[in-house]
Amino acid sequence: MDDLKFSVVIPYKQRLDNIRLVLSALAEQTMDHRDFEVLIGAMEYSPEFVSVCREFTDRLTIVSTLSADDWNLCKARNLAMRQARGQVTLILDADMVLPTRFLDNLYERHYAHGQNVCVVGQMIGYDDVVETDVEHVELAPFSHYREVLAELEARDHVVMDDRWNADNTSAFHRFPWVYARGGLVAAPTATIRRHDLTYDEGFQGWGPEDQEWALRVALTGTPIVLGEEVYGLHLPHLRSVQDNGRTAQRNNRYYLAKWPRLELELALSFGWQETARVLPDVRRELEAAVAGFGPRHALGTVRGTVNGRSLVVVGAAVDPATRTAAPDVAALFDTHAELTVLPLAGFALPHPDGDADECHVLPPVARLSPRYRDAVLREADRVAVKVSSQIDRGPTA
């Protein structure tokens, strides 16, 4: 790496007006422009995009890596990240406009002494529109955003992102990776290189790819912190909530298949704040549900075939360390069938709707309290055409 302090990584496709505003803000940073570079992973070749970049080459060092592949946010980030020469990689959406002291402030507060920390920044305005369809966008001139940001910088303290609210403190301390958004997050480039912390290109469309990346950051032992006075304005852009929801469902299941963790399946069913509240109690219930199966066993799910038809078994005793099912569970499947064993209680499963021919719900599920038992039964109904269970469903929780 060179003596650069920052490599600013921006994924890009077909947002000319937005990227011009983002570059305008970077061009006005108080940090010397020789101390940082701007790396754009562009999933298109567009003369108009190149022309916009040329508007700033006298004030910014811009390197664009171009690909004609279909849009993939993770690939666009990776194209740029692999070129990074700065001490710190700052990942920024093509819709984030930064205040003038942003880079200086981020460096001085969090990286000046070589700290190994992942810093999450506020995306002001993002939560206001994330659940809203946007069919037409009218952007103000840069002078407007400059004025808004100057007013924010004049304040003693800025908290305008829901993730910074006190109500989220418990969930953040338990699951800090959940609070990382790829729109504004930074980490030391050496840490990214050492642990190969690129984004997983298996995520397609809108979803939790940034949480999954941050989970891998956390597993390296790198602390994830909410940045002190680290914020930017999120610009409006076209959005379909229905389309985003559809890809989010698919991506959440991809995430769960890759990381079959109790806290993730609980969160997909009940949300992260509720998961932070109930997780210790749920762990105790799950341990009690498999009592008598031996100390190595936990409640899990097993998928395989019976007479060539797909079967998912929920409430199975499994060994999470070896990903094997207890003998009586394995005996439910075809001899020599390839079994997929996941240490999931069944609150959420990584299978698409109706993907299995049948789901068997085993008796240990009945030992869960009604709220969690019913969540498992609902998920069984979702993933299988037919559900066989002797468990009394009772009233809907």
Protein backbone atom coordinates (compact mmCIF):
# COMPACT_ATOMS: atom_id res chain seq x y z
CA MET A 1 0.00 0.00 0.00
CA ASP A 2 1.01 3.58 -0.66
CA ASP A 3 0.93 6.45 1.82
CA LEU A 4 -2.70 7.14 0.96
CA LYS A 5 -5.00 7.34 3.95
CA PHE A 6 -8.18 6.25 2.17
CA SER A 7 -9.41 4.28 -0.78
CA VAL A 8 -13.02 5.32 -1.35
CA VAL A 9 -14.84 2.41 -3.02
CA ILE A 10 -18.06 3.16 -4.94
CA PRO A 11 -20.17 0.62 -6.89
CA TYR A 12 -21.90 2.21 -9.85
CA LYS A 13 -24.39 1.73 -12.65
CA GLN A 14 -26.66 4.26 -14.41
CA ARG A 15 -26.82 6.95 -11.72
CA LEU A 16 -25.05 9.81 -13.43
CA ASP A 17 -26.72 12.61 -11.49
CA ASN A 18 -26.05 10.92 -8.17
CA ILE A 19 -22.42 10.06 -8.84
CA ARG A 20 -21.75 13.65 -9.93
CA LEU A 21 -23.03 14.88 -6.54
CA VAL A 22 -21.01 12.24 -4.67
CA LEU A 23 -17.83 13.25 -6.50
CA SER A 24 -18.61 16.94 -5.94
CA ALA A 25 -18.65 16.33 -2.19
CA LEU A 26 -15.43 14.31 -2.30
CA ALA A 27 -13.76 17.09 -4.29
CA GLU A 28 -14.50 19.52 -1.42
CA GLN A 29 -13.03 17.40 1.38
CA THR A 30 -10.71 19.22 3.75
CA MET A 31 -8.34 16.26 3.52
CA ASP A 32 -5.64 16.86 0.93
CA HIS A 33 -6.75 15.17 -2.29
CA ARG A 34 -3.32 13.53 -2.50
CA ASP A 35 -4.18 11.53 0.65
CA PHE A 36 -7.06 9.56 -0.83
CA GLU A 37 -8.22 7.92 -4.04
CA VAL A 38 -11.67 7.22 -5.45
CA LEU A 39 -12.19 3.73 -6.87
CA ILE A 40 -15.36 3.12 -8.86
CA GLY A 41 -16.54 -0.36 -9.77
CA ALA A 42 -18.73 0.40 -12.80
CA MET A 43 -20.94 -2.38 -14.16
CA GLU A 44 -21.20 -0.77 -17.59
CA TYR A 45 -19.18 1.16 -20.12
CA SER A 46 -20.79 4.55 -20.61
CA PRO A 47 -19.16 7.56 -22.32
CA GLU A 48 -21.40 9.78 -20.18
CA PHE A 49 -20.02 8.20 -17.00
CA VAL A 50 -16.45 8.68 -18.20
CA SER A 51 -17.27 12.29 -19.01
CA VAL A 52 -18.56 12.90 -15.47
CA CYS A 53 -15.36 11.45 -14.02
CA ARG A 54 -13.32 13.77 -16.23
CA GLU A 55 -15.04 16.76 -14.61
CA PHE A 56 -13.15 15.96 -11.38
CA THR A 57 -9.76 14.67 -12.47
CA ASP A 58 -8.10 17.98 -11.58
CA ARG A 59 -9.28 17.60 -7.96
CA LEU A 60 -9.58 13.85 -7.40
CA THR A 61 -7.63 10.72 -8.20
CA ILE A 62 -10.30 8.53 -9.81
CA VAL A 63 -9.75 4.95 -10.93
CA SER A 64 -12.67 3.20 -12.63
CA THR A 65 -12.79 -0.54 -13.21
CA LEU A 66 -15.41 -1.35 -15.84
CA SER A 67 -17.33 -4.56 -16.45
CA ALA A 68 -20.05 -5.35 -18.99
CA ASP A 69 -21.53 -8.08 -16.75
CA ASP A 70 -25.07 -7.88 -15.43
CA TRP A 71 -25.51 -5.66 -12.39
CA ASN A 72 -24.26 -7.26 -9.18
CA LEU A 73 -23.65 -4.87 -6.29
CA CYS A 74 -21.16 -7.19 -4.60
CA LYS A 75 -19.15 -7.69 -7.78
CA ALA A 76 -19.08 -3.92 -8.40
CA ARG A 77 -17.69 -3.35 -4.91
CA ASN A 78 -15.15 -6.13 -5.33
CA LEU A 79 -13.93 -4.76 -8.67
CA ALA A 80 -13.02 -1.52 -6.92
CA MET A 81 -11.84 -2.94 -3.58
CA ARG A 82 -9.20 -5.09 -5.23
CA GLN A 83 -7.48 -1.93 -6.50
CA ALA A 84 -7.26 -0.28 -3.06
CA ARG A 85 -3.92 1.30 -2.07
CA GLY A 86 -5.04 3.32 0.97
CA GLN A 87 -4.58 2.44 4.63
CA VAL A 88 -8.37 2.37 5.04
CA THR A 89 -11.02 1.21 2.61
CA LEU A 90 -14.17 3.33 2.80
CA ILE A 91 -17.14 1.69 1.06
CA LEU A 92 -19.64 4.22 -0.15
CA ASP A 93 -22.86 3.96 -2.15
CA ALA A 94 -23.14 6.01 -5.33
CA ASP A 95 -25.88 7.89 -3.46
CA MET A 96 -23.98 9.16 -0.39
CA VAL A 97 -22.96 12.81 -0.17
CA LEU A 98 -20.39 13.54 2.55
CA PRO A 99 -19.69 16.67 4.61
CA THR A 100 -16.41 18.47 3.95
CA ARG A 101 -14.60 17.20 7.07
CA PHE A 102 -15.79 13.63 6.69
CA LEU A 103 -12.49 12.01 5.74
CA ASP A 104 -10.42 14.05 8.18
CA ASN A 105 -12.88 13.34 10.99
CA LEU A 106 -13.08 9.61 10.26
CA TYR A 107 -9.30 9.29 10.13
CA GLU A 108 -8.57 11.38 13.23
CA ARG A 109 -11.22 9.74 15.41
CA HIS A 110 -10.80 6.11 14.34
CA TYR A 111 -7.66 5.36 12.29
CA ALA A 112 -4.87 7.85 13.06
CA HIS A 113 -3.09 5.37 15.35
CA GLY A 114 -3.45 2.31 13.15
CA GLN A 115 -6.59 1.02 14.89
CA ASN A 116 -8.06 -2.21 13.58
CA VAL A 117 -11.74 -1.33 13.67
CA CYS A 118 -14.71 -1.42 11.30
CA VAL A 119 -16.56 1.89 11.45
CA VAL A 120 -20.24 2.18 10.52
CA GLY A 121 -21.50 5.60 9.43
CA GLN A 122 -24.95 7.19 9.58
CA MET A 123 -26.89 7.21 6.30
CA ILE A 124 -29.15 10.18 6.93
CA GLY A 125 -32.41 9.95 5.01
CA TYR A 126 -32.10 6.27 4.09
CA ASP A 127 -34.60 4.95 6.63
CA ASP A 128 -37.10 7.62 5.58
CA VAL A 129 -37.54 6.09 2.13
CA VAL A 130 -36.38 2.48 2.32
CA GLU A 131 -39.99 1.21 2.57
CA THR A 132 -41.31 3.62 -0.08
CA ASP A 133 -41.60 3.18 -3.85
CA VAL A 134 -39.69 5.86 -5.75
CA GLU A 135 -40.75 6.12 -9.40
CA HIS A 136 -39.36 9.55 -10.22
CA VAL A 137 -36.31 11.37 -8.83
CA GLU A 138 -35.57 15.07 -8.86
CA LEU A 139 -32.21 15.96 -7.36
CA ALA A 140 -31.35 19.40 -6.08
CA PRO A 141 -28.15 21.13 -7.23
CA PHE A 142 -25.03 20.38 -5.21
CA SER A 143 -25.23 23.80 -3.55
CA HIS A 144 -28.36 22.63 -1.72
CA TYR A 145 -26.65 19.53 -0.26
CA ARG A 146 -23.56 21.57 0.57
CA GLU A 147 -25.72 23.90 2.64
CA VAL A 148 -27.53 21.07 4.44
CA LEU A 149 -24.26 19.37 5.30
CA ALA A 150 -22.70 22.62 6.51
CA GLU A 151 -25.63 23.06 8.89
CA LEU A 152 -25.09 19.54 10.22
CA GLU A 153 -21.36 20.12 10.68
CA ALA A 154 -22.12 23.23 12.74
CA ARG A 155 -23.99 21.13 15.32
CA ASP A 156 -22.34 19.73 18.42
CA HIS A 157 -23.78 16.26 17.86
CA VAL A 158 -25.64 14.58 15.00
CA VAL A 159 -27.88 11.53 15.51
CA MET A 160 -30.29 11.11 12.59
CA ASP A 161 -30.00 7.40 11.84
CA ASP A 162 -32.23 4.90 13.67
CA ARG A 163 -29.29 2.59 14.30
CA TRP A 164 -27.84 5.16 16.71
CA ASN A 165 -30.99 5.32 18.84
CA ALA A 166 -30.81 4.04 22.42
CA ASP A 167 -33.58 1.50 21.71
CA ASN A 168 -31.15 -0.40 19.47
CA THR A 169 -28.30 -0.59 22.00
CA SER A 170 -29.02 -4.12 23.22
CA ALA A 171 -29.22 -5.57 19.71
CA PHE A 172 -26.07 -3.72 18.60
CA HIS A 173 -23.97 -5.07 21.48
CA ARG A 174 -25.11 -8.62 20.75
CA PHE A 175 -25.05 -8.47 16.94
CA PRO A 176 -22.94 -5.49 15.79
CA TRP A 177 -22.59 -6.82 12.24
CA VAL A 178 -26.32 -6.30 11.68
CA TYR A 179 -25.78 -2.54 11.90
CA ALA A 180 -23.24 -2.36 9.08
CA ARG A 181 -24.57 -1.06 5.78
CA GLY A 182 -22.53 -1.13 2.63
CA GLY A 183 -23.61 2.42 1.89
CA LEU A 184 -21.19 3.87 4.44
CA VAL A 185 -18.70 1.60 6.21
CA ALA A 186 -14.90 1.54 6.59
CA ALA A 187 -12.26 -1.02 7.55
CA PRO A 188 -8.45 -1.22 7.35
CA THR A 189 -7.36 -2.37 3.92
CA ALA A 190 -4.77 -4.71 5.47
CA THR A 191 -7.52 -6.47 7.43
CA ILE A 192 -9.64 -6.83 4.30
CA ARG A 193 -6.69 -8.34 2.42
CA ARG A 194 -5.53 -10.58 5.27
CA HIS A 195 -8.93 -12.20 5.68
CA ASP A 196 -10.14 -11.96 2.05
CA LEU A 197 -13.09 -9.81 3.07
CA THR A 198 -14.61 -9.27 -0.33
CA TYR A 199 -18.38 -9.29 -0.78
CA ASP A 200 -20.12 -12.58 -1.59
CA GLU A 201 -21.27 -12.32 -5.21
CA GLY A 202 -23.84 -15.06 -4.61
CA PHE A 203 -26.15 -12.34 -3.31
CA GLN A 204 -28.28 -11.04 -6.17
CA GLY A 205 -30.29 -7.86 -5.77
CA TRP A 206 -31.31 -6.06 -2.58
CA GLY A 207 -30.71 -7.80 0.71
CA PRO A 208 -28.34 -8.60 3.57
CA GLU A 209 -25.04 -8.85 1.66
CA ASP A 210 -23.58 -6.07 3.82
CA GLN A 211 -24.61 -7.81 7.05
CA GLU A 212 -23.03 -11.04 5.86
CA TRP A 213 -19.81 -9.20 4.98
CA ALA A 214 -19.78 -7.54 8.40
CA LEU A 215 -20.40 -10.89 10.12
CA ARG A 216 -17.18 -12.16 8.54
CA VAL A 217 -15.46 -8.97 9.68
CA ALA A 218 -16.66 -9.60 13.25
CA LEU A 219 -15.48 -13.24 13.12
CA THR A 220 -11.92 -12.00 12.49
CA GLY A 221 -12.04 -10.31 15.89
CA THR A 222 -12.24 -6.84 14.35
CA PRO A 223 -14.53 -4.60 16.47
CA ILE A 224 -17.49 -3.00 14.70
CA VAL A 225 -18.37 0.45 16.05
CA LEU A 226 -20.90 3.16 15.31
CA GLY A 227 -18.77 6.06 14.11
CA GLU A 228 -18.53 9.25 16.14
CA GLU A 229 -19.93 12.06 13.99
CA VAL A 230 -19.45 9.88 10.90
CA TYR A 231 -22.40 10.54 8.59
CA GLY A 232 -23.54 11.46 5.11
CA LEU A 233 -26.74 12.30 3.24
CA HIS A 234 -28.42 9.50 1.33
CA LEU A 235 -29.69 10.77 -2.04
CA PRO A 236 -33.00 9.60 -3.49
CA HIS A 237 -32.98 7.04 -6.27
CA LEU A 238 -35.50 4.80 -8.06
CA ARG A 239 -36.83 2.02 -5.84
CA SER A 240 -39.44 -0.74 -5.99
CA VAL A 241 -40.30 -2.04 -2.53
CA GLN A 242 -41.94 -5.12 -4.07
CA ASP A 243 -38.85 -5.98 -6.12
CA ASN A 244 -36.57 -5.36 -3.16
CA GLY A 245 -38.71 -7.57 -0.94
CA ARG A 246 -38.64 -10.38 -3.46
CA THR A 247 -34.84 -10.39 -3.74
CA ALA A 248 -34.46 -9.89 0.02
CA GLN A 249 -36.36 -13.12 0.69
CA ARG A 250 -34.11 -15.04 -1.67
CA ASN A 251 -30.98 -13.44 -0.28
CA ASN A 252 -32.00 -14.03 3.34
CA ARG A 253 -32.36 -17.73 2.59
CA TYR A 254 -28.98 -17.75 0.85
CA TYR A 255 -27.51 -16.05 3.95
CA LEU A 256 -29.12 -18.60 6.29
CA ALA A 257 -27.89 -21.54 4.21
CA LYS A 258 -24.35 -20.16 4.38
CA TRP A 259 -24.52 -19.25 8.08
CA PRO A 260 -27.13 -21.50 9.78
CA ARG A 261 -27.04 -19.69 13.11
CA LEU A 262 -29.76 -19.56 15.75
CA GLU A 263 -29.73 -15.78 16.06
CA LEU A 264 -30.17 -15.39 12.29
CA GLU A 265 -33.15 -17.75 11.98
CA LEU A 266 -34.75 -16.08 15.00
CA ALA A 267 -34.21 -12.64 13.47
CA LEU A 268 -35.73 -13.70 10.15
CA SER A 269 -38.82 -14.76 12.06
CA PHE A 270 -39.02 -12.15 14.85
CA GLY A 271 -36.61 -9.31 14.01
CA TRP A 272 -33.23 -8.42 15.52
CA GLN A 273 -34.40 -6.37 18.50
CA GLU A 274 -36.77 -9.10 19.63
CA THR A 275 -34.05 -11.69 19.03
CA ALA A 276 -31.70 -9.80 21.35
CA ARG A 277 -34.39 -9.88 24.02
CA VAL A 278 -35.41 -13.55 23.80
CA LEU A 279 -32.22 -15.32 22.68
CA PRO A 280 -31.11 -16.58 26.14
CA ASP A 281 -34.59 -17.99 26.86
CA VAL A 282 -34.82 -19.64 23.44
CA ARG A 283 -31.43 -21.30 23.94
CA ARG A 284 -32.67 -22.77 27.23
CA GLU A 285 -35.85 -24.06 25.57
CA LEU A 286 -33.90 -25.68 22.74
CA GLU A 287 -31.53 -27.38 25.16
CA ALA A 288 -34.49 -28.74 27.13
CA ALA A 289 -36.15 -29.97 23.92
CA VAL A 290 -33.25 -32.30 23.13
CA ALA A 291 -32.56 -33.36 26.71
CA GLY A 292 -31.99 -37.10 26.75
CA PHE A 293 -30.39 -37.25 23.30
CA GLY A 294 -26.88 -36.75 24.64
CA PRO A 295 -24.68 -33.70 25.31
CA ARG A 296 -23.47 -33.35 21.72
CA HIS A 297 -26.91 -33.08 20.20
CA ALA A 298 -28.98 -30.03 19.37
CA LEU A 299 -32.28 -29.40 17.65
CA GLY A 300 -31.74 -29.31 13.89
CA THR A 301 -33.19 -29.97 10.46
CA VAL A 302 -32.31 -32.69 7.99
CA ARG A 303 -33.11 -32.85 4.29
CA GLY A 304 -32.87 -35.88 2.03
CA THR A 305 -35.06 -38.25 -0.01
CA VAL A 306 -37.58 -40.98 0.71
CA ASN A 307 -38.42 -43.15 -2.29
CA GLY A 308 -36.91 -40.40 -4.42
CA ARG A 309 -39.18 -37.68 -2.98
CA SER A 310 -37.70 -34.76 -1.06
CA LEU A 311 -38.22 -34.77 2.71
CA VAL A 312 -37.35 -32.17 5.33
CA VAL A 313 -37.32 -33.29 8.96
CA VAL A 314 -37.69 -30.56 11.59
CA GLY A 315 -37.07 -31.05 15.30
CA ALA A 316 -34.37 -33.63 14.63
CA ALA A 317 -31.55 -34.44 17.00
CA VAL A 318 -28.30 -33.55 15.20
CA ASP A 319 -24.64 -33.16 16.05
CA PRO A 320 -23.79 -29.57 15.03
CA ALA A 321 -20.04 -30.20 15.12
CA THR A 322 -20.09 -33.03 12.57
CA ARG A 323 -23.33 -32.04 10.78
CA THR A 324 -24.70 -35.56 11.24
CA ALA A 325 -28.16 -36.71 12.25
CA ALA A 326 -28.95 -39.07 15.10
CA PRO A 327 -29.32 -42.68 13.85
CA ASP A 328 -33.11 -42.79 14.32
CA VAL A 329 -33.44 -39.61 12.24
CA ALA A 330 -31.11 -40.85 9.48
CA ALA A 331 -33.21 -44.03 9.30
CA LEU A 332 -36.20 -41.97 8.08
CA PHE A 333 -34.48 -41.42 4.72
CA ASP A 334 -33.50 -43.62 1.79
CA THR A 335 -30.50 -45.84 2.43
CA HIS A 336 -27.35 -44.01 1.27
CA ALA A 337 -29.35 -40.83 0.65
CA GLU A 338 -27.26 -37.67 0.74
CA LEU A 339 -28.41 -35.76 3.81
CA THR A 340 -28.15 -32.02 4.39
CA VAL A 341 -27.96 -31.42 8.12
CA LEU A 342 -28.36 -27.89 9.47
CA PRO A 343 -28.18 -26.77 13.12
CA LEU A 344 -31.44 -24.84 12.77
CA ALA A 345 -34.40 -25.15 15.12
CA GLY A 346 -36.72 -24.38 12.20
CA PHE A 347 -37.85 -20.81 13.01
CA ALA A 348 -36.59 -20.00 9.51
CA LEU A 349 -35.33 -22.36 6.83
CA PRO A 350 -33.23 -21.66 3.72
CA HIS A 351 -35.63 -23.44 1.34
CA PRO A 352 -37.97 -21.68 -1.14
CA ASP A 353 -41.74 -21.88 -0.74
CA GLY A 354 -43.07 -25.38 -1.44
CA ASP A 355 -39.59 -26.64 -2.27
CA ALA A 356 -39.93 -29.99 -0.47
CA ASP A 357 -42.51 -32.70 -1.14
CA GLU A 358 -43.01 -33.33 2.56
CA CYS A 359 -41.93 -32.11 5.99
CA HIS A 360 -41.98 -34.23 9.13
CA VAL A 361 -42.19 -32.32 12.42
CA LEU A 362 -40.77 -34.47 15.20
CA PRO A 363 -41.95 -34.50 18.86
CA PRO A 364 -39.15 -32.30 20.32
CA VAL A 365 -40.83 -29.31 18.65
CA ALA A 366 -43.85 -29.87 20.94
CA ARG A 367 -41.62 -29.13 23.95
CA LEU A 368 -41.18 -25.52 22.83
CA SER A 369 -43.44 -22.81 24.19
CA PRO A 370 -46.42 -22.03 21.88
CA ARG A 371 -44.88 -18.94 20.28
CA TYR A 372 -41.77 -20.78 19.08
CA ARG A 373 -43.54 -24.07 18.35
CA ASP A 374 -46.00 -22.22 16.10
CA ALA A 375 -43.17 -20.40 14.31
CA VAL A 376 -41.60 -23.77 13.44
CA LEU A 377 -44.93 -25.16 12.24
CA ARG A 378 -45.55 -22.08 10.05
CA GLU A 379 -42.16 -22.50 8.45
CA ALA A 380 -42.81 -26.19 7.85
CA ASP A 381 -46.07 -25.26 6.11
CA ARG A 382 -44.19 -22.76 3.94
CA VAL A 383 -41.41 -25.03 2.67
CA ALA A 384 -43.33 -28.26 2.07
CA VAL A 385 -46.30 -29.34 -0.02
CA LYS A 386 -47.38 -31.71 2.77
CA VAL A 387 -46.64 -31.51 6.50
CA SER A 388 -46.97 -34.52 8.79
CA SER A 389 -47.04 -33.82 12.51
CA GLN A 390 -48.75 -35.16 15.60
CA ILE A 391 -48.23 -31.87 17.41
CA ASP A 392 -51.31 -29.99 18.59
CA ARG A 393 -51.08 -26.65 16.85
CA GLY A 394 -53.46 -24.94 19.24
CA PRO A 395 -54.58 -21.34 18.65
CA THR A 396 -52.45 -19.16 16.36
CA ALA A 397 -49.81 -17.29 18.42
